[in-house]
Amino acid sequence: MAEETNLDLVTITVQYKDESKVLDAVLKAGATGVTYFYGRGTGVRQRLGLLGRLIEAEKVIIFTAVPPEKTQAVVKAATEAAKLNMPGKGFLCVHKLQQTVGVF
């Protein structure tokens, strides 16, 4: 069983409507595959009261494990595709993975 110890996990949470744009962008940027699922969260929406209930709550959470030399390209592609530098558009973080099995 092949093990890999030098990978980054890029986790991206975006609005449901941005799913395809982000998936396409990270794959073009060098990610060899992605895992994604749908989720809901809490936060600013609850502080808005009744108005907050009108905001679409569905999110897509995307995971992709990439070699460090591709991490910044994937981060940049996802940030641009989902406009993550604008408030309320989503969230992205990078984790150093200690060990993975079966990734590549």
N, C-alpha and C. Protein backbone atom coordinates (compact mmCIF):
# COMPACT_ATOMS: atom_id res chain seq x y z
N MET A 1 0.84 -1.17 0.00
CA MET A 1 0.00 0.00 0.00
C MET A 1 0.89 1.24 0.00
N ALA A 2 0.70 2.11 -0.99
CA ALA A 2 1.52 3.32 -1.11
C ALA A 2 1.09 4.37 -0.10
N GLU A 3 2.06 4.91 0.60
CA GLU A 3 1.80 5.98 1.55
C GLU A 3 2.47 7.25 1.07
N GLU A 4 1.85 8.37 1.35
CA GLU A 4 2.39 9.68 0.99
C GLU A 4 2.45 10.51 2.26
N THR A 5 3.58 11.18 2.49
CA THR A 5 3.69 11.97 3.72
C THR A 5 3.91 13.45 3.47
N ASN A 6 3.96 13.88 2.22
CA ASN A 6 4.22 15.29 1.95
C ASN A 6 3.10 15.88 1.10
N LEU A 7 1.94 16.04 1.70
CA LEU A 7 0.79 16.61 1.00
C LEU A 7 0.14 17.68 1.86
N ASP A 8 -0.56 18.58 1.20
CA ASP A 8 -1.39 19.57 1.88
C ASP A 8 -2.85 19.22 1.60
N LEU A 9 -3.69 19.41 2.58
CA LEU A 9 -5.13 19.25 2.39
C LEU A 9 -5.73 20.65 2.28
N VAL A 10 -6.31 20.95 1.13
CA VAL A 10 -6.97 22.23 0.93
C VAL A 10 -8.46 21.98 1.17
N THR A 11 -9.02 22.69 2.13
CA THR A 11 -10.44 22.59 2.46
C THR A 11 -11.10 23.89 2.05
N ILE A 12 -12.15 23.78 1.24
CA ILE A 12 -12.82 24.96 0.70
C ILE A 12 -14.32 24.83 0.98
N THR A 13 -14.89 25.83 1.60
CA THR A 13 -16.33 25.87 1.84
C THR A 13 -16.88 27.04 1.04
N VAL A 14 -17.80 26.74 0.11
CA VAL A 14 -18.34 27.78 -0.77
C VAL A 14 -19.86 27.64 -0.85
N GLN A 15 -20.48 28.67 -1.39
CA GLN A 15 -21.92 28.62 -1.60
C GLN A 15 -22.24 27.60 -2.68
N TYR A 16 -23.37 26.97 -2.54
CA TYR A 16 -23.81 25.91 -3.45
C TYR A 16 -23.73 26.33 -4.91
N LYS A 17 -24.09 27.56 -5.20
CA LYS A 17 -24.10 28.03 -6.59
C LYS A 17 -22.71 28.15 -7.20
N ASP A 18 -21.67 28.16 -6.37
CA ASP A 18 -20.30 28.28 -6.87
C ASP A 18 -19.59 26.94 -7.02
N GLU A 19 -20.29 25.87 -6.72
CA GLU A 19 -19.69 24.53 -6.72
C GLU A 19 -18.94 24.20 -8.01
N SER A 20 -19.61 24.25 -9.16
CA SER A 20 -18.97 23.83 -10.41
C SER A 20 -17.78 24.70 -10.77
N LYS A 21 -17.90 26.01 -10.56
CA LYS A 21 -16.79 26.91 -10.88
C LYS A 21 -15.54 26.54 -10.09
N VAL A 22 -15.73 26.27 -8.79
CA VAL A 22 -14.60 25.97 -7.92
C VAL A 22 -14.01 24.60 -8.25
N LEU A 23 -14.87 23.61 -8.46
CA LEU A 23 -14.37 22.27 -8.81
C LEU A 23 -13.55 22.33 -10.10
N ASP A 24 -14.06 22.98 -11.12
CA ASP A 24 -13.32 23.11 -12.38
C ASP A 24 -12.00 23.85 -12.19
N ALA A 25 -12.04 24.92 -11.41
CA ALA A 25 -10.84 25.74 -11.21
C ALA A 25 -9.73 24.98 -10.48
N VAL A 26 -10.06 24.25 -9.42
CA VAL A 26 -9.01 23.55 -8.68
C VAL A 26 -8.44 22.38 -9.49
N LEU A 27 -9.27 21.74 -10.29
CA LEU A 27 -8.76 20.65 -11.14
C LEU A 27 -7.84 21.20 -12.22
N LYS A 28 -8.19 22.34 -12.80
CA LYS A 28 -7.32 22.97 -13.80
C LYS A 28 -6.02 23.47 -13.18
N ALA A 29 -6.07 23.80 -11.88
CA ALA A 29 -4.89 24.33 -11.19
C ALA A 29 -3.93 23.23 -10.75
N GLY A 30 -4.31 21.98 -10.92
CA GLY A 30 -3.37 20.91 -10.59
C GLY A 30 -3.83 19.88 -9.59
N ALA A 31 -5.00 20.05 -9.00
CA ALA A 31 -5.52 19.02 -8.10
C ALA A 31 -5.87 17.79 -8.95
N THR A 32 -5.48 16.61 -8.49
CA THR A 32 -5.76 15.41 -9.27
C THR A 32 -7.14 14.83 -8.99
N GLY A 33 -7.77 15.30 -7.93
CA GLY A 33 -9.11 14.84 -7.59
C GLY A 33 -9.64 15.62 -6.41
N VAL A 34 -10.93 15.54 -6.20
CA VAL A 34 -11.56 16.24 -5.08
C VAL A 34 -12.61 15.34 -4.45
N THR A 35 -12.86 15.58 -3.19
CA THR A 35 -13.99 14.99 -2.49
C THR A 35 -14.84 16.15 -2.04
N TYR A 36 -16.15 16.08 -2.28
CA TYR A 36 -17.01 17.18 -1.84
C TYR A 36 -18.34 16.64 -1.34
N PHE A 37 -18.94 17.43 -0.47
CA PHE A 37 -20.24 17.07 0.09
C PHE A 37 -20.96 18.35 0.46
N TYR A 38 -22.23 18.23 0.74
CA TYR A 38 -23.07 19.39 1.04
C TYR A 38 -23.22 19.54 2.54
N GLY A 39 -23.28 20.78 3.00
CA GLY A 39 -23.38 21.04 4.42
C GLY A 39 -24.15 22.31 4.72
N ARG A 40 -24.37 22.49 5.99
CA ARG A 40 -25.03 23.70 6.51
C ARG A 40 -24.20 24.19 7.68
N GLY A 41 -24.34 25.46 7.99
CA GLY A 41 -23.58 26.01 9.10
C GLY A 41 -24.36 27.07 9.83
N THR A 42 -23.73 27.63 10.85
CA THR A 42 -24.34 28.73 11.59
C THR A 42 -23.34 29.88 11.63
N GLY A 43 -23.82 31.04 11.97
CA GLY A 43 -22.93 32.19 12.03
C GLY A 43 -23.71 33.47 11.90
N VAL A 44 -23.26 34.34 11.00
CA VAL A 44 -23.83 35.67 10.80
C VAL A 44 -25.32 35.58 10.53
N ARG A 45 -25.75 34.58 9.78
CA ARG A 45 -27.17 34.43 9.41
C ARG A 45 -28.08 34.45 10.64
N GLN A 46 -27.66 33.83 11.73
CA GLN A 46 -28.50 33.78 12.92
C GLN A 46 -28.62 35.14 13.60
N ARG A 47 -27.61 35.98 13.46
CA ARG A 47 -27.65 37.31 14.08
C ARG A 47 -28.54 38.27 13.31
N LEU A 48 -28.92 37.89 12.08
CA LEU A 48 -29.76 38.76 11.27
C LEU A 48 -31.25 38.57 11.53
N GLY A 49 -31.62 37.63 12.39
CA GLY A 49 -33.02 37.40 12.72
C GLY A 49 -33.81 36.89 11.52
N LEU A 50 -35.01 37.44 11.32
CA LEU A 50 -35.89 36.99 10.24
C LEU A 50 -35.23 37.14 8.87
N LEU A 51 -34.52 38.23 8.65
CA LEU A 51 -33.83 38.44 7.38
C LEU A 51 -32.83 37.31 7.12
N GLY A 52 -32.17 36.84 8.16
CA GLY A 52 -31.18 35.78 8.02
C GLY A 52 -31.78 34.48 7.53
N ARG A 53 -33.04 34.24 7.78
CA ARG A 53 -33.68 33.00 7.33
C ARG A 53 -33.89 32.99 5.83
N LEU A 54 -33.82 34.15 5.20
CA LEU A 54 -34.00 34.23 3.76
C LEU A 54 -32.70 33.96 2.99
N ILE A 55 -31.59 33.92 3.71
CA ILE A 55 -30.30 33.68 3.06
C ILE A 55 -30.13 32.18 2.83
N GLU A 56 -29.73 31.83 1.62
CA GLU A 56 -29.51 30.43 1.28
C GLU A 56 -28.44 29.82 2.18
N ALA A 57 -28.75 28.70 2.80
CA ALA A 57 -27.86 28.12 3.79
C ALA A 57 -26.99 27.00 3.24
N GLU A 58 -27.29 26.47 2.07
CA GLU A 58 -26.56 25.33 1.57
C GLU A 58 -25.14 25.71 1.17
N LYS A 59 -24.22 24.87 1.58
CA LYS A 59 -22.81 25.07 1.27
C LYS A 59 -22.26 23.78 0.67
N VAL A 60 -21.15 23.91 -0.01
CA VAL A 60 -20.42 22.76 -0.52
C VAL A 60 -19.04 22.80 0.14
N ILE A 61 -18.64 21.67 0.71
CA ILE A 61 -17.33 21.55 1.33
C ILE A 61 -16.49 20.68 0.40
N ILE A 62 -15.35 21.19 0.01
CA ILE A 62 -14.49 20.52 -0.95
C ILE A 62 -13.15 20.22 -0.28
N PHE A 63 -12.69 18.98 -0.42
CA PHE A 63 -11.37 18.57 0.06
C PHE A 63 -10.53 18.16 -1.14
N THR A 64 -9.28 18.58 -1.17
CA THR A 64 -8.35 18.07 -2.16
C THR A 64 -6.96 18.00 -1.53
N ALA A 65 -6.30 16.88 -1.73
CA ALA A 65 -4.93 16.68 -1.23
C ALA A 65 -3.99 16.94 -2.39
N VAL A 66 -3.07 17.86 -2.19
CA VAL A 66 -2.15 18.24 -3.28
C VAL A 66 -0.71 18.32 -2.75
N PRO A 67 0.26 18.09 -3.63
CA PRO A 67 1.66 18.30 -3.24
C PRO A 67 1.89 19.79 -2.96
N PRO A 68 2.78 20.09 -2.04
CA PRO A 68 3.01 21.50 -1.66
C PRO A 68 3.30 22.43 -2.83
N GLU A 69 3.94 21.94 -3.88
CA GLU A 69 4.26 22.82 -5.01
C GLU A 69 3.03 23.22 -5.81
N LYS A 70 1.89 22.55 -5.60
CA LYS A 70 0.65 22.91 -6.29
C LYS A 70 -0.35 23.64 -5.39
N THR A 71 -0.04 23.72 -4.11
CA THR A 71 -0.99 24.29 -3.14
C THR A 71 -1.38 25.72 -3.48
N GLN A 72 -0.41 26.59 -3.72
CA GLN A 72 -0.74 28.00 -3.96
C GLN A 72 -1.55 28.19 -5.23
N ALA A 73 -1.29 27.39 -6.26
CA ALA A 73 -2.08 27.48 -7.50
C ALA A 73 -3.53 27.08 -7.25
N VAL A 74 -3.74 26.04 -6.45
CA VAL A 74 -5.10 25.58 -6.11
C VAL A 74 -5.81 26.63 -5.25
N VAL A 75 -5.10 27.18 -4.27
CA VAL A 75 -5.68 28.22 -3.41
C VAL A 75 -6.09 29.44 -4.24
N LYS A 76 -5.20 29.88 -5.12
CA LYS A 76 -5.49 31.04 -5.96
C LYS A 76 -6.69 30.78 -6.88
N ALA A 77 -6.72 29.60 -7.48
CA ALA A 77 -7.82 29.26 -8.40
C ALA A 77 -9.16 29.24 -7.67
N ALA A 78 -9.21 28.62 -6.49
CA ALA A 78 -10.45 28.55 -5.72
C ALA A 78 -10.88 29.94 -5.25
N THR A 79 -9.91 30.73 -4.80
CA THR A 79 -10.20 32.08 -4.31
C THR A 79 -10.81 32.94 -5.41
N GLU A 80 -10.24 32.86 -6.60
CA GLU A 80 -10.76 33.65 -7.72
C GLU A 80 -12.11 33.14 -8.20
N ALA A 81 -12.26 31.81 -8.29
CA ALA A 81 -13.50 31.23 -8.81
C ALA A 81 -14.70 31.55 -7.93
N ALA A 82 -14.51 31.54 -6.61
CA ALA A 82 -15.62 31.77 -5.69
C ALA A 82 -15.60 33.17 -5.08
N LYS A 83 -14.62 34.00 -5.49
CA LYS A 83 -14.48 35.35 -4.93
C LYS A 83 -14.39 35.30 -3.40
N LEU A 84 -13.53 34.41 -2.91
CA LEU A 84 -13.43 34.19 -1.47
C LEU A 84 -12.92 35.39 -0.69
N ASN A 85 -12.27 36.35 -1.37
CA ASN A 85 -11.83 37.52 -0.60
C ASN A 85 -12.94 38.52 -0.34
N MET A 86 -14.15 38.20 -0.77
CA MET A 86 -15.31 39.04 -0.46
C MET A 86 -16.05 38.42 0.74
N PRO A 87 -16.53 39.25 1.67
CA PRO A 87 -17.23 38.73 2.85
C PRO A 87 -18.44 37.87 2.48
N GLY A 88 -18.60 36.77 3.19
CA GLY A 88 -19.76 35.91 3.03
C GLY A 88 -19.70 34.95 1.86
N LYS A 89 -18.59 34.92 1.13
CA LYS A 89 -18.51 34.05 -0.05
C LYS A 89 -18.02 32.65 0.27
N GLY A 90 -17.33 32.49 1.38
CA GLY A 90 -16.84 31.16 1.72
C GLY A 90 -15.59 31.21 2.56
N PHE A 91 -14.93 30.07 2.64
CA PHE A 91 -13.80 29.91 3.54
C PHE A 91 -12.85 28.89 2.94
N LEU A 92 -11.55 29.12 3.08
CA LEU A 92 -10.56 28.18 2.59
C LEU A 92 -9.46 28.07 3.62
N CYS A 93 -8.98 26.85 3.85
CA CYS A 93 -7.82 26.68 4.73
C CYS A 93 -6.96 25.53 4.21
N VAL A 94 -5.69 25.56 4.59
CA VAL A 94 -4.73 24.54 4.17
C VAL A 94 -4.16 23.89 5.42
N HIS A 95 -4.14 22.55 5.39
CA HIS A 95 -3.58 21.76 6.50
C HIS A 95 -2.42 20.93 5.96
N LYS A 96 -1.36 20.82 6.73
CA LYS A 96 -0.27 19.90 6.40
C LYS A 96 -0.70 18.51 6.83
N LEU A 97 -0.63 17.55 5.92
CA LEU A 97 -1.00 16.18 6.25
C LEU A 97 0.24 15.42 6.71
N GLN A 98 0.11 14.67 7.79
CA GLN A 98 1.23 13.89 8.30
C GLN A 98 1.38 12.57 7.56
N GLN A 99 0.25 11.97 7.19
CA GLN A 99 0.31 10.69 6.51
C GLN A 99 -0.99 10.46 5.75
N THR A 100 -0.89 9.91 4.56
CA THR A 100 -2.07 9.53 3.80
C THR A 100 -1.83 8.16 3.17
N VAL A 101 -2.90 7.44 2.96
CA VAL A 101 -2.82 6.14 2.30
C VAL A 101 -3.87 6.12 1.20
N GLY A 102 -3.48 5.72 0.02
CA GLY A 102 -4.44 5.57 -1.07
C GLY A 102 -4.83 6.84 -1.79
N VAL A 103 -4.06 7.91 -1.67
CA VAL A 103 -4.42 9.17 -2.31
C VAL A 103 -4.09 9.13 -3.79
N PHE A 104 -2.90 8.71 -4.14
CA PHE A 104 -2.48 8.70 -5.55
C PHE A 104 -2.23 7.28 -6.01
